[in-house]
Amino acid sequence: MRPAEAARVGQLTLAAYDTYGRIDGPYRQDLGDPLRRRDGCTALLVAELDGEVVGTVTFVLPGDEQWEGRAQPEGDAGFRILAVDPEAEGRGVGRALVGACIAAGRTHGRRRIAIVTMAWMDRAQQMYAQLGFRRRPDLDVRFPSGVGYVLTYDLVPDADRSFPAPGPVPETPPWFTEVWAGW
């Protein structure tokens, strides 16, 4: 993302999230101001159609500020705040952004991508499932805006050998603040 694109990226991110649900509070400020997170991630990517910015995603590695302090097994990568302008949905923008994150994970020598998607983000979950992401309900967490589903995507064939096997699924997912330090 170039600095001149920041206002557009913030606007389309809020529009995308507000189409399917709503996130309020301090996190909404992060969604609407990509300059606040740009320096704390490995890459803040944009997608363009016909010269117009229509999508964005924040690619992160452990150690990035935008990784949010989650302790992940060595070999993880992730992405957050994937958003597509509602007017551009259905044109492959989200898939292209996820593909760019998968490629970046491989370029950085990672073994798995782990992401969190909100339970109310049905359309995103469908896309992730079609792309090969698997839900890990044993890792789900709660946020003020609802339950976050943890999804993983193996970047290498033997990725499962490098990460803990799925554990028991809690009756109620714990608060993210209680578990992220122990991931």
N, C-alpha and C. Protein backbone atom coordinates (compact mmCIF):
# COMPACT_ATOMS: atom_id res chain seq x y z
N MET A 1 0.84 -1.17 0.00
CA MET A 1 0.00 0.00 0.00
C MET A 1 0.89 1.23 0.00
N ARG A 2 0.58 2.13 -0.89
CA ARG A 2 1.25 3.43 -0.90
C ARG A 2 0.49 4.36 0.03
N PRO A 3 1.19 5.30 0.69
CA PRO A 3 0.51 6.21 1.62
C PRO A 3 -0.69 6.93 1.00
N ALA A 4 -0.61 7.27 -0.27
CA ALA A 4 -1.72 7.97 -0.92
C ALA A 4 -2.98 7.10 -1.03
N GLU A 5 -2.83 5.79 -0.87
CA GLU A 5 -3.97 4.86 -0.95
C GLU A 5 -4.63 4.62 0.39
N ALA A 6 -4.06 5.15 1.46
CA ALA A 6 -4.52 4.85 2.82
C ALA A 6 -5.99 5.21 3.04
N ALA A 7 -6.42 6.38 2.62
CA ALA A 7 -7.81 6.78 2.85
C ALA A 7 -8.76 5.82 2.15
N ARG A 8 -8.44 5.45 0.92
CA ARG A 8 -9.29 4.51 0.18
C ARG A 8 -9.31 3.14 0.86
N VAL A 9 -8.15 2.67 1.29
CA VAL A 9 -8.07 1.38 1.97
C VAL A 9 -8.91 1.39 3.24
N GLY A 10 -8.81 2.45 4.03
CA GLY A 10 -9.60 2.55 5.26
C GLY A 10 -11.09 2.56 4.97
N GLN A 11 -11.50 3.33 3.97
CA GLN A 11 -12.91 3.43 3.62
C GLN A 11 -13.47 2.09 3.15
N LEU A 12 -12.74 1.41 2.26
CA LEU A 12 -13.27 0.14 1.75
C LEU A 12 -13.26 -0.94 2.83
N THR A 13 -12.30 -0.87 3.75
CA THR A 13 -12.26 -1.85 4.84
C THR A 13 -13.49 -1.70 5.74
N LEU A 14 -13.81 -0.49 6.13
CA LEU A 14 -15.00 -0.28 6.97
C LEU A 14 -16.26 -0.67 6.22
N ALA A 15 -16.35 -0.33 4.95
CA ALA A 15 -17.54 -0.69 4.16
C ALA A 15 -17.69 -2.21 4.07
N ALA A 16 -16.58 -2.91 3.87
CA ALA A 16 -16.63 -4.37 3.76
C ALA A 16 -17.08 -5.01 5.07
N TYR A 17 -16.51 -4.57 6.18
CA TYR A 17 -16.89 -5.14 7.47
C TYR A 17 -18.33 -4.79 7.82
N ASP A 18 -18.75 -3.57 7.54
CA ASP A 18 -20.11 -3.14 7.89
C ASP A 18 -21.18 -3.81 7.03
N THR A 19 -20.81 -4.37 5.90
CA THR A 19 -21.77 -5.06 5.04
C THR A 19 -22.31 -6.31 5.72
N TYR A 20 -21.49 -6.99 6.52
CA TYR A 20 -21.88 -8.27 7.09
C TYR A 20 -22.02 -8.27 8.60
N GLY A 21 -21.54 -7.26 9.25
CA GLY A 21 -21.60 -7.17 10.71
C GLY A 21 -21.03 -5.83 11.09
N ARG A 22 -20.67 -5.68 12.33
CA ARG A 22 -20.10 -4.40 12.73
C ARG A 22 -19.12 -4.63 13.87
N ILE A 23 -18.00 -3.97 13.75
CA ILE A 23 -17.01 -3.98 14.81
C ILE A 23 -16.90 -2.55 15.30
N ASP A 24 -17.12 -2.37 16.59
CA ASP A 24 -17.03 -1.04 17.19
C ASP A 24 -15.86 -1.00 18.16
N GLY A 25 -15.65 0.14 18.76
CA GLY A 25 -14.61 0.30 19.75
C GLY A 25 -13.27 0.62 19.11
N PRO A 26 -12.20 0.49 19.89
CA PRO A 26 -10.86 0.86 19.42
C PRO A 26 -10.42 0.09 18.17
N TYR A 27 -10.84 -1.17 18.05
CA TYR A 27 -10.42 -1.96 16.88
C TYR A 27 -10.95 -1.36 15.58
N ARG A 28 -12.10 -0.70 15.65
CA ARG A 28 -12.65 -0.06 14.45
C ARG A 28 -11.69 1.00 13.92
N GLN A 29 -11.01 1.68 14.83
CA GLN A 29 -10.02 2.68 14.40
C GLN A 29 -8.89 2.03 13.61
N ASP A 30 -8.46 0.83 14.03
CA ASP A 30 -7.42 0.11 13.29
C ASP A 30 -7.92 -0.28 11.89
N LEU A 31 -9.18 -0.71 11.83
CA LEU A 31 -9.74 -1.08 10.53
C LEU A 31 -9.75 0.11 9.58
N GLY A 32 -10.11 1.27 10.08
CA GLY A 32 -10.26 2.44 9.23
C GLY A 32 -9.00 3.22 8.96
N ASP A 33 -7.90 2.89 9.64
CA ASP A 33 -6.66 3.64 9.47
C ASP A 33 -5.50 2.69 9.21
N PRO A 34 -5.30 2.29 7.96
CA PRO A 34 -4.23 1.34 7.67
C PRO A 34 -2.83 1.87 7.95
N LEU A 35 -2.65 3.18 8.00
CA LEU A 35 -1.33 3.72 8.33
C LEU A 35 -0.93 3.35 9.75
N ARG A 36 -1.92 3.12 10.63
CA ARG A 36 -1.63 2.72 12.02
C ARG A 36 -1.03 1.33 12.09
N ARG A 37 -1.31 0.49 11.11
CA ARG A 37 -0.81 -0.88 11.15
C ARG A 37 0.27 -1.18 10.12
N ARG A 38 0.48 -0.28 9.17
CA ARG A 38 1.40 -0.55 8.05
C ARG A 38 2.81 -0.87 8.52
N ASP A 39 3.35 -0.11 9.46
CA ASP A 39 4.72 -0.34 9.89
C ASP A 39 4.85 -1.54 10.83
N GLY A 40 3.74 -2.09 11.31
CA GLY A 40 3.78 -3.20 12.24
C GLY A 40 3.49 -4.54 11.61
N CYS A 41 3.61 -4.61 10.28
CA CYS A 41 3.33 -5.89 9.60
C CYS A 41 4.42 -6.15 8.57
N THR A 42 4.47 -7.36 8.07
CA THR A 42 5.43 -7.68 7.03
C THR A 42 5.03 -7.02 5.71
N ALA A 43 3.72 -7.01 5.41
CA ALA A 43 3.24 -6.36 4.17
C ALA A 43 1.78 -6.00 4.31
N LEU A 44 1.43 -4.81 3.88
CA LEU A 44 0.03 -4.40 3.78
C LEU A 44 -0.24 -4.30 2.28
N LEU A 45 -1.00 -5.25 1.78
CA LEU A 45 -1.20 -5.39 0.34
C LEU A 45 -2.52 -4.78 -0.10
N VAL A 46 -2.57 -4.33 -1.34
CA VAL A 46 -3.82 -3.88 -1.94
C VAL A 46 -4.03 -4.62 -3.25
N ALA A 47 -5.28 -4.71 -3.64
CA ALA A 47 -5.66 -5.28 -4.94
C ALA A 47 -6.33 -4.17 -5.74
N GLU A 48 -6.03 -4.14 -7.02
CA GLU A 48 -6.61 -3.13 -7.90
C GLU A 48 -7.36 -3.80 -9.04
N LEU A 49 -8.44 -3.18 -9.43
CA LEU A 49 -9.17 -3.54 -10.65
C LEU A 49 -9.33 -2.25 -11.44
N ASP A 50 -8.92 -2.29 -12.68
CA ASP A 50 -9.04 -1.13 -13.56
C ASP A 50 -8.44 0.12 -12.92
N GLY A 51 -7.31 -0.05 -12.23
CA GLY A 51 -6.60 1.08 -11.65
C GLY A 51 -7.17 1.60 -10.34
N GLU A 52 -8.20 0.96 -9.81
CA GLU A 52 -8.81 1.41 -8.55
C GLU A 52 -8.56 0.38 -7.45
N VAL A 53 -8.17 0.85 -6.26
CA VAL A 53 -7.97 -0.04 -5.12
C VAL A 53 -9.32 -0.59 -4.69
N VAL A 54 -9.45 -1.93 -4.69
CA VAL A 54 -10.72 -2.57 -4.35
C VAL A 54 -10.60 -3.61 -3.24
N GLY A 55 -9.38 -3.81 -2.73
CA GLY A 55 -9.21 -4.79 -1.67
C GLY A 55 -7.90 -4.60 -0.95
N THR A 56 -7.81 -5.21 0.23
CA THR A 56 -6.61 -5.10 1.05
C THR A 56 -6.49 -6.30 1.99
N VAL A 57 -5.28 -6.56 2.41
CA VAL A 57 -5.01 -7.58 3.42
C VAL A 57 -3.69 -7.23 4.10
N THR A 58 -3.58 -7.58 5.37
CA THR A 58 -2.38 -7.35 6.15
C THR A 58 -1.70 -8.69 6.41
N PHE A 59 -0.53 -8.91 5.81
CA PHE A 59 0.23 -10.15 5.97
C PHE A 59 1.17 -10.00 7.15
N VAL A 60 1.16 -10.98 8.05
CA VAL A 60 1.96 -10.89 9.27
C VAL A 60 2.78 -12.16 9.53
N LEU A 61 3.88 -11.95 10.20
CA LEU A 61 4.73 -13.03 10.68
C LEU A 61 4.91 -12.86 12.18
N PRO A 62 5.19 -13.95 12.92
CA PRO A 62 5.47 -13.80 14.34
C PRO A 62 6.58 -12.76 14.55
N GLY A 63 6.38 -11.94 15.54
CA GLY A 63 7.32 -10.86 15.82
C GLY A 63 6.83 -9.52 15.30
N ASP A 64 5.97 -9.54 14.27
CA ASP A 64 5.36 -8.29 13.80
C ASP A 64 4.44 -7.75 14.89
N GLU A 65 4.39 -6.45 15.04
CA GLU A 65 3.46 -5.84 16.00
C GLU A 65 2.02 -6.27 15.70
N GLN A 66 1.68 -6.38 14.43
CA GLN A 66 0.32 -6.77 14.04
C GLN A 66 0.05 -8.26 14.26
N TRP A 67 1.07 -9.02 14.66
CA TRP A 67 0.84 -10.41 15.05
C TRP A 67 0.10 -10.42 16.38
N GLU A 68 0.10 -9.30 17.06
CA GLU A 68 -0.63 -9.06 18.30
C GLU A 68 -0.13 -9.89 19.47
N GLY A 69 1.14 -10.22 19.48
CA GLY A 69 1.72 -10.91 20.62
C GLY A 69 1.34 -12.36 20.77
N ARG A 70 0.63 -12.91 19.80
CA ARG A 70 0.26 -14.32 19.89
C ARG A 70 1.51 -15.18 19.78
N ALA A 71 1.67 -16.09 20.71
CA ALA A 71 2.79 -17.03 20.65
C ALA A 71 2.38 -18.17 19.74
N GLN A 72 2.97 -18.26 18.58
CA GLN A 72 2.65 -19.32 17.62
C GLN A 72 3.87 -20.21 17.44
N PRO A 73 3.64 -21.44 17.08
CA PRO A 73 4.78 -22.31 16.79
C PRO A 73 5.62 -21.72 15.65
N GLU A 74 6.93 -21.90 15.74
CA GLU A 74 7.80 -21.42 14.67
C GLU A 74 7.35 -22.06 13.35
N GLY A 75 7.24 -21.26 12.35
CA GLY A 75 6.79 -21.76 11.05
C GLY A 75 5.46 -21.19 10.63
N ASP A 76 4.77 -20.49 11.54
CA ASP A 76 3.48 -19.89 11.19
C ASP A 76 3.66 -18.59 10.42
N ALA A 77 2.63 -18.26 9.69
CA ALA A 77 2.42 -16.94 9.08
C ALA A 77 0.94 -16.68 9.24
N GLY A 78 0.51 -15.49 8.92
CA GLY A 78 -0.92 -15.20 9.02
C GLY A 78 -1.28 -13.98 8.21
N PHE A 79 -2.56 -13.73 8.16
CA PHE A 79 -3.02 -12.48 7.60
C PHE A 79 -4.25 -12.04 8.37
N ARG A 80 -4.52 -10.75 8.30
CA ARG A 80 -5.63 -10.17 9.02
C ARG A 80 -6.23 -9.06 8.16
N ILE A 81 -7.38 -8.66 8.57
CA ILE A 81 -8.08 -7.51 7.98
C ILE A 81 -8.12 -7.63 6.46
N LEU A 82 -8.58 -8.78 5.98
CA LEU A 82 -8.83 -8.94 4.55
C LEU A 82 -10.18 -8.28 4.27
N ALA A 83 -10.19 -7.36 3.33
CA ALA A 83 -11.43 -6.64 3.01
C ALA A 83 -11.50 -6.39 1.51
N VAL A 84 -12.70 -6.56 0.97
CA VAL A 84 -12.97 -6.30 -0.44
C VAL A 84 -14.11 -5.30 -0.52
N ASP A 85 -13.94 -4.28 -1.32
CA ASP A 85 -15.01 -3.30 -1.55
C ASP A 85 -16.27 -4.07 -1.93
N PRO A 86 -17.40 -3.83 -1.25
CA PRO A 86 -18.63 -4.56 -1.57
C PRO A 86 -19.02 -4.48 -3.05
N GLU A 87 -18.65 -3.41 -3.72
CA GLU A 87 -18.96 -3.27 -5.15
C GLU A 87 -18.11 -4.18 -6.02
N ALA A 88 -17.01 -4.70 -5.49
CA ALA A 88 -16.10 -5.56 -6.25
C ALA A 88 -16.22 -7.03 -5.87
N GLU A 89 -17.12 -7.37 -4.96
CA GLU A 89 -17.27 -8.76 -4.53
C GLU A 89 -17.64 -9.64 -5.72
N GLY A 90 -17.17 -10.89 -5.65
CA GLY A 90 -17.49 -11.85 -6.70
C GLY A 90 -16.58 -11.75 -7.91
N ARG A 91 -15.55 -10.95 -7.83
CA ARG A 91 -14.65 -10.77 -8.96
C ARG A 91 -13.26 -11.36 -8.71
N GLY A 92 -13.12 -12.17 -7.67
CA GLY A 92 -11.85 -12.84 -7.40
C GLY A 92 -10.85 -12.04 -6.61
N VAL A 93 -11.25 -10.89 -6.09
CA VAL A 93 -10.32 -10.03 -5.35
C VAL A 93 -9.86 -10.72 -4.05
N GLY A 94 -10.79 -11.23 -3.27
CA GLY A 94 -10.44 -11.90 -2.02
C GLY A 94 -9.54 -13.10 -2.25
N ARG A 95 -9.87 -13.89 -3.25
CA ARG A 95 -9.05 -15.06 -3.57
C ARG A 95 -7.63 -14.64 -3.97
N ALA A 96 -7.52 -13.57 -4.74
CA ALA A 96 -6.20 -13.09 -5.16
C ALA A 96 -5.39 -12.63 -3.96
N LEU A 97 -6.02 -11.93 -3.02
CA LEU A 97 -5.32 -11.47 -1.83
C LEU A 97 -4.87 -12.64 -0.96
N VAL A 98 -5.74 -13.65 -0.79
CA VAL A 98 -5.35 -14.84 -0.03
C VAL A 98 -4.20 -15.54 -0.75
N GLY A 99 -4.29 -15.65 -2.07
CA GLY A 99 -3.20 -16.27 -2.85
C GLY A 99 -1.88 -15.54 -2.66
N ALA A 100 -1.94 -14.22 -2.59
CA ALA A 100 -0.71 -13.44 -2.36
C ALA A 100 -0.13 -13.75 -0.97
N CYS A 101 -1.00 -13.94 0.01
CA CYS A 101 -0.53 -14.27 1.37
C CYS A 101 0.05 -15.68 1.41
N ILE A 102 -0.56 -16.61 0.71
CA ILE A 102 -0.02 -17.98 0.64
C ILE A 102 1.36 -17.94 -0.01
N ALA A 103 1.49 -17.21 -1.10
CA ALA A 103 2.78 -17.09 -1.77
C ALA A 103 3.82 -16.43 -0.85
N ALA A 104 3.42 -15.39 -0.13
CA ALA A 104 4.33 -14.72 0.79
C ALA A 104 4.77 -15.66 1.91
N GLY A 105 3.84 -16.46 2.42
CA GLY A 105 4.19 -17.43 3.46
C GLY A 105 5.24 -18.41 2.96
N ARG A 106 5.06 -18.88 1.75
CA ARG A 106 6.05 -19.81 1.18
C ARG A 106 7.38 -19.11 0.94
N THR A 107 7.34 -17.89 0.44
CA THR A 107 8.57 -17.13 0.20
C THR A 107 9.36 -16.94 1.49
N HIS A 108 8.65 -16.76 2.59
CA HIS A 108 9.29 -16.57 3.89
C HIS A 108 9.63 -17.91 4.57
N GLY A 109 9.44 -19.02 3.87
CA GLY A 109 9.81 -20.33 4.40
C GLY A 109 8.91 -20.84 5.51
N ARG A 110 7.67 -20.39 5.54
CA ARG A 110 6.73 -20.80 6.59
C ARG A 110 6.08 -22.13 6.24
N ARG A 111 5.53 -22.78 7.25
CA ARG A 111 4.93 -24.10 7.07
C ARG A 111 3.40 -24.06 7.10
N ARG A 112 2.84 -23.02 7.73
CA ARG A 112 1.39 -22.96 7.90
C ARG A 112 0.95 -21.52 8.01
N ILE A 113 -0.28 -21.25 7.56
CA ILE A 113 -0.92 -19.96 7.78
C ILE A 113 -2.03 -20.19 8.79
N ALA A 114 -2.07 -19.37 9.81
CA ALA A 114 -3.15 -19.41 10.80
C ALA A 114 -3.85 -18.06 10.80
N ILE A 115 -5.16 -18.07 10.70
CA ILE A 115 -5.94 -16.83 10.67
C ILE A 115 -7.12 -16.95 11.62
N VAL A 116 -7.73 -15.82 11.92
CA VAL A 116 -8.96 -15.79 12.71
C VAL A 116 -10.01 -15.06 11.88
N THR A 117 -11.18 -15.65 11.75
CA THR A 117 -12.30 -15.01 11.07
C THR A 117 -13.49 -15.02 12.03
N MET A 118 -14.26 -13.99 12.00
CA MET A 118 -15.39 -13.90 12.93
C MET A 118 -16.49 -14.89 12.52
N ALA A 119 -17.19 -15.42 13.51
CA ALA A 119 -18.25 -16.40 13.26
C ALA A 119 -19.31 -15.84 12.31
N TRP A 120 -19.54 -14.53 12.32
CA TRP A 120 -20.57 -13.93 11.48
C TRP A 120 -20.09 -13.64 10.06
N MET A 121 -18.85 -13.98 9.74
CA MET A 121 -18.30 -13.74 8.40
C MET A 121 -18.50 -14.98 7.52
N ASP A 122 -19.76 -15.34 7.28
CA ASP A 122 -20.10 -16.55 6.52
C ASP A 122 -19.46 -16.57 5.14
N ARG A 123 -19.55 -15.47 4.43
CA ARG A 123 -19.03 -15.43 3.06
C ARG A 123 -17.51 -15.67 3.05
N ALA A 124 -16.80 -15.07 3.97
CA ALA A 124 -15.35 -15.28 4.05
C ALA A 124 -15.04 -16.73 4.38
N GLN A 125 -15.79 -17.31 5.31
CA GLN A 125 -15.55 -18.71 5.68
C GLN A 125 -15.75 -19.64 4.49
N GLN A 126 -16.74 -19.37 3.67
CA GLN A 126 -16.97 -20.19 2.47
C GLN A 126 -15.77 -20.10 1.54
N MET A 127 -15.27 -18.90 1.33
CA MET A 127 -14.11 -18.73 0.45
C MET A 127 -12.90 -19.47 1.03
N TYR A 128 -12.64 -19.29 2.32
CA TYR A 128 -11.49 -19.95 2.93
C TYR A 128 -11.61 -21.48 2.81
N ALA A 129 -12.78 -22.02 3.03
CA ALA A 129 -12.98 -23.47 2.90
C ALA A 129 -12.70 -23.93 1.47
N GLN A 130 -13.18 -23.18 0.50
CA GLN A 130 -12.94 -23.52 -0.90
C GLN A 130 -11.46 -23.47 -1.26
N LEU A 131 -10.71 -22.62 -0.58
CA LEU A 131 -9.28 -22.50 -0.83
C LEU A 131 -8.44 -23.51 -0.05
N GLY A 132 -9.08 -24.29 0.82
CA GLY A 132 -8.38 -25.34 1.55
C GLY A 132 -8.07 -25.05 3.00
N PHE A 133 -8.58 -23.96 3.55
CA PHE A 133 -8.38 -23.68 4.97
C PHE A 133 -9.27 -24.63 5.79
N ARG A 134 -8.76 -25.03 6.95
CA ARG A 134 -9.52 -25.90 7.85
C ARG A 134 -9.72 -25.21 9.19
N ARG A 135 -10.92 -25.36 9.72
CA ARG A 135 -11.22 -24.76 11.02
C ARG A 135 -10.62 -25.59 12.13
N ARG A 136 -10.11 -24.90 13.14
CA ARG A 136 -9.59 -25.53 14.35
C ARG A 136 -10.43 -25.06 15.52
N PRO A 137 -11.61 -25.67 15.76
CA PRO A 137 -12.49 -25.20 16.84
C PRO A 137 -11.85 -25.27 18.22
N ASP A 138 -10.82 -26.09 18.38
CA ASP A 138 -10.13 -26.15 19.67
C ASP A 138 -9.34 -24.86 19.95
N LEU A 139 -9.14 -24.03 18.93
CA LEU A 139 -8.39 -22.79 19.10
C LEU A 139 -9.26 -21.54 19.01
N ASP A 140 -10.58 -21.71 18.79
CA ASP A 140 -11.47 -20.56 18.68
C ASP A 140 -11.37 -19.68 19.93
N VAL A 141 -11.62 -18.38 19.74
CA VAL A 141 -11.54 -17.40 20.82
C VAL A 141 -12.72 -16.44 20.74
N ARG A 142 -13.00 -15.78 21.87
CA ARG A 142 -14.07 -14.77 21.90
C ARG A 142 -13.46 -13.37 21.91
N PHE A 143 -14.14 -12.49 21.20
CA PHE A 143 -13.80 -11.07 21.15
C PHE A 143 -15.04 -10.29 21.58
N PRO A 144 -14.91 -9.00 21.84
CA PRO A 144 -16.10 -8.21 22.16
C PRO A 144 -17.16 -8.25 21.05
N SER A 145 -16.74 -8.46 19.79
CA SER A 145 -17.69 -8.48 18.68
C SER A 145 -18.17 -9.88 18.31
N GLY A 146 -17.78 -10.90 19.09
CA GLY A 146 -18.26 -12.26 18.82
C GLY A 146 -17.15 -13.28 18.87
N VAL A 147 -17.47 -14.49 18.43
CA VAL A 147 -16.52 -15.60 18.44
C VAL A 147 -15.66 -15.53 17.18
N GLY A 148 -14.37 -15.73 17.37
CA GLY A 148 -13.43 -15.81 16.25
C GLY A 148 -13.07 -17.25 15.99
N TYR A 149 -13.27 -17.68 14.74
CA TYR A 149 -12.90 -19.04 14.33
C TYR A 149 -11.45 -19.02 13.86
N VAL A 150 -10.66 -19.97 14.35
CA VAL A 150 -9.28 -20.10 13.90
C VAL A 150 -9.26 -21.09 12.74
N LEU A 151 -8.66 -20.68 11.64
CA LEU A 151 -8.52 -21.50 10.45
C LEU A 151 -7.05 -21.65 10.13
N THR A 152 -6.67 -22.81 9.57
CA THR A 152 -5.28 -23.03 9.19
C THR A 152 -5.20 -23.53 7.75
N TYR A 153 -4.05 -23.27 7.16
CA TYR A 153 -3.76 -23.70 5.79
C TYR A 153 -2.31 -24.18 5.79
N ASP A 154 -2.11 -25.42 5.40
CA ASP A 154 -0.75 -25.97 5.36
C ASP A 154 -0.04 -25.52 4.09
N LEU A 155 1.15 -24.96 4.28
CA LEU A 155 1.95 -24.50 3.14
C LEU A 155 2.88 -25.58 2.62
N VAL A 156 3.14 -26.59 3.43
CA VAL A 156 4.00 -27.71 3.04
C VAL A 156 3.27 -29.00 3.38
N PRO A 157 3.57 -30.09 2.66
CA PRO A 157 2.84 -31.35 2.88
C PRO A 157 2.91 -31.91 4.29
N ASP A 158 4.02 -31.74 4.98
CA ASP A 158 4.17 -32.33 6.31
C ASP A 158 4.00 -31.30 7.43
N ALA A 159 3.25 -30.27 7.19
CA ALA A 159 3.07 -29.20 8.18
C ALA A 159 2.51 -29.73 9.50
N ASP A 160 1.61 -30.69 9.45
CA ASP A 160 1.01 -31.21 10.69
C ASP A 160 2.05 -31.72 11.67
N ARG A 161 3.18 -32.19 11.18
CA ARG A 161 4.22 -32.71 12.08
C ARG A 161 4.88 -31.61 12.90
N SER A 162 4.75 -30.36 12.46
CA SER A 162 5.42 -29.25 13.14
C SER A 162 4.54 -28.53 14.14
N PHE A 163 3.28 -28.90 14.23
CA PHE A 163 2.34 -28.16 15.07
C PHE A 163 1.56 -29.11 15.95
N PRO A 164 1.11 -28.63 17.10
CA PRO A 164 0.33 -29.48 18.00
C PRO A 164 -0.94 -30.01 17.32
N ALA A 165 -1.28 -31.23 17.64
CA ALA A 165 -2.52 -31.83 17.13
C ALA A 165 -3.71 -31.11 17.75
N PRO A 166 -4.85 -31.13 17.06
CA PRO A 166 -6.05 -30.52 17.65
C PRO A 166 -6.34 -31.12 19.03
N GLY A 167 -6.78 -30.25 19.91
CA GLY A 167 -7.10 -30.68 21.27
C GLY A 167 -8.61 -30.67 21.48
N PRO A 168 -9.03 -30.81 22.72
CA PRO A 168 -10.46 -30.80 23.02
C PRO A 168 -11.08 -29.43 22.69
N VAL A 169 -12.32 -29.48 22.27
CA VAL A 169 -13.05 -28.25 21.94
C VAL A 169 -13.78 -27.79 23.18
N PRO A 170 -13.47 -26.59 23.66
CA PRO A 170 -14.15 -26.11 24.86
C PRO A 170 -15.62 -25.82 24.59
N GLU A 171 -16.44 -25.97 25.63
CA GLU A 171 -17.86 -25.69 25.50
C GLU A 171 -18.09 -24.23 25.11
N THR A 172 -17.34 -23.34 25.73
CA THR A 172 -17.38 -21.91 25.41
C THR A 172 -15.96 -21.47 25.10
N PRO A 173 -15.73 -20.88 23.92
CA PRO A 173 -14.37 -20.43 23.61
C PRO A 173 -13.89 -19.40 24.62
N PRO A 174 -12.62 -19.46 24.99
CA PRO A 174 -12.08 -18.50 25.95
C PRO A 174 -11.88 -17.12 25.31
N TRP A 175 -11.74 -16.11 26.15
CA TRP A 175 -11.43 -14.77 25.68
C TRP A 175 -10.05 -14.78 25.05
N PHE A 176 -9.90 -14.06 23.96
CA PHE A 176 -8.63 -14.01 23.24
C PHE A 176 -7.48 -13.58 24.15
N THR A 177 -7.75 -12.69 25.08
CA THR A 177 -6.69 -12.21 25.98
C THR A 177 -6.19 -13.31 26.91
N GLU A 178 -7.00 -14.34 27.13
CA GLU A 178 -6.61 -15.43 28.02
C GLU A 178 -5.75 -16.48 27.32
N VAL A 179 -5.84 -16.56 25.98
CA VAL A 179 -5.15 -17.65 25.31
C VAL A 179 -4.05 -17.23 24.36
N TRP A 180 -4.07 -16.04 23.85
CA TRP A 180 -3.09 -15.69 22.84
C TRP A 180 -1.68 -15.71 23.36
N ALA A 181 -1.50 -15.44 24.60
CA ALA A 181 -0.14 -15.51 25.14
C ALA A 181 0.36 -16.95 25.20
N GLY A 182 -0.56 -17.92 25.17
CA GLY A 182 -0.16 -19.32 25.28
C GLY A 182 -0.22 -20.07 23.97
N TRP A 183 -0.55 -19.41 22.87
CA TRP A 183 -0.60 -20.14 21.60
C TRP A 183 0.75 -20.60 21.18
